[in-house]
Amino acid sequence: MLVPESHGSIQTEIFEGNCLTILKGIQDESIDLIMTSPPYADKRAKTYGGIKPENYVDWFIPIANELKRVLCPSGTFI
C-alpha cells in the first residue's frame, strides 16, 4: 500500500508489505527516514510467525543491506 501525501516540497509515502520485495523496487539513496519494528525472533511467534534466534541474523542481513542501500546519506533509521 502506498499513501502519498504532500507538504510543500516534502512528500510522504508509507509502504506496507514484504519489506524485502518492496525495497528492491526503491531507488538507491532515495529515502530520508526508515522506521521499522522487525519481528523479535520467536518471542512473537503467534503474531509474526517468528524467526528462530539462531536464524535471525541470516534472515535480517539481506533486509539490512537493502535498508542501507535506499537510505540517503543524511537519512535516519529508527
Protein backbone atom coordinates (compact mmCIF):
# COMPACT_ATOMS: atom_id res chain seq x y z
CA MET A 1 0.00 0.00 0.00
CA LEU A 2 1.28 3.45 -0.89
CA VAL A 3 -0.11 6.56 0.78
CA PRO A 4 1.35 9.68 -0.85
CA GLU A 5 0.95 12.96 0.99
CA SER A 6 2.44 16.28 0.01
CA HIS A 7 3.58 19.05 2.36
CA GLY A 8 5.03 21.73 0.08
CA SER A 9 8.23 20.23 -1.25
CA ILE A 10 8.12 17.28 1.17
CA GLN A 11 6.48 14.06 0.01
CA THR A 12 5.49 11.33 2.44
CA GLU A 13 4.88 7.75 1.36
CA ILE A 14 4.06 4.78 3.57
CA PHE A 15 4.75 1.33 2.21
CA GLU A 16 3.15 -1.80 3.62
CA GLY A 17 4.05 -5.32 2.61
CA ASN A 18 7.01 -7.65 2.43
CA CYS A 19 9.88 -5.23 3.01
CA LEU A 20 12.46 -7.16 1.01
CA THR A 21 10.18 -7.19 -2.03
CA ILE A 22 9.28 -3.50 -1.70
CA LEU A 23 12.85 -2.37 -1.00
CA LYS A 24 14.16 -3.94 -4.21
CA GLY A 25 11.93 -1.54 -6.19
CA ILE A 26 13.19 1.62 -4.48
CA GLN A 27 15.96 3.80 -5.92
CA ASP A 28 19.35 3.98 -4.16
CA GLU A 29 19.73 6.71 -1.52
CA SER A 30 16.17 7.97 -2.03
CA ILE A 31 14.66 7.52 1.44
CA ASP A 32 15.13 10.06 4.25
CA LEU A 33 13.50 8.09 7.07
CA ILE A 34 13.09 4.37 7.68
CA MET A 35 11.02 3.34 10.69
CA THR A 36 10.63 -0.35 11.34
CA SER A 37 9.82 -2.85 14.01
CA PRO A 38 11.19 -6.20 12.87
CA PRO A 39 9.94 -9.43 14.42
CA TYR A 40 11.60 -10.24 17.72
CA ALA A 41 12.95 -13.67 16.90
CA ASP A 42 10.46 -16.25 18.18
CA LYS A 43 9.22 -14.06 21.06
CA ARG A 44 6.19 -13.09 18.96
CA ALA A 45 5.72 -16.29 17.01
CA LYS A 46 1.93 -16.14 17.35
CA THR A 47 1.84 -12.65 15.82
CA TYR A 48 4.60 -12.71 13.21
CA GLY A 49 5.29 -16.37 12.63
CA GLY A 50 8.61 -15.99 14.41
CA ILE A 51 12.22 -16.32 13.41
CA LYS A 52 14.31 -18.73 15.44
CA PRO A 53 17.10 -16.84 17.25
CA GLU A 54 19.77 -18.94 15.55
CA ASN A 55 18.36 -17.90 12.13
CA TYR A 56 17.65 -14.24 12.89
CA VAL A 57 20.94 -12.70 11.68
CA ASP A 58 20.89 -14.64 8.41
CA TRP A 59 17.25 -13.59 7.94
CA PHE A 60 17.86 -9.91 8.70
CA ILE A 61 21.14 -9.25 6.81
CA PRO A 62 19.55 -9.13 3.30
CA ILE A 63 16.92 -6.72 4.64
CA ALA A 64 19.55 -4.56 6.39
CA ASN A 65 21.59 -4.38 3.16
CA GLU A 66 18.56 -3.10 1.24
CA LEU A 67 17.70 -0.60 4.00
CA LYS A 68 21.23 0.79 3.86
CA ARG A 69 21.12 0.98 0.06
CA VAL A 70 17.90 3.04 -0.11
CA LEU A 71 18.65 5.32 2.85
CA CYS A 72 20.04 8.77 1.97
CA PRO A 73 23.49 9.51 3.42
CA SER A 74 21.87 12.07 5.73
CA GLY A 75 18.85 9.81 6.39
CA THR A 76 17.63 8.36 9.68
CA PHE A 77 16.95 4.72 10.56
CA ILE A 78 14.69 4.07 13.54
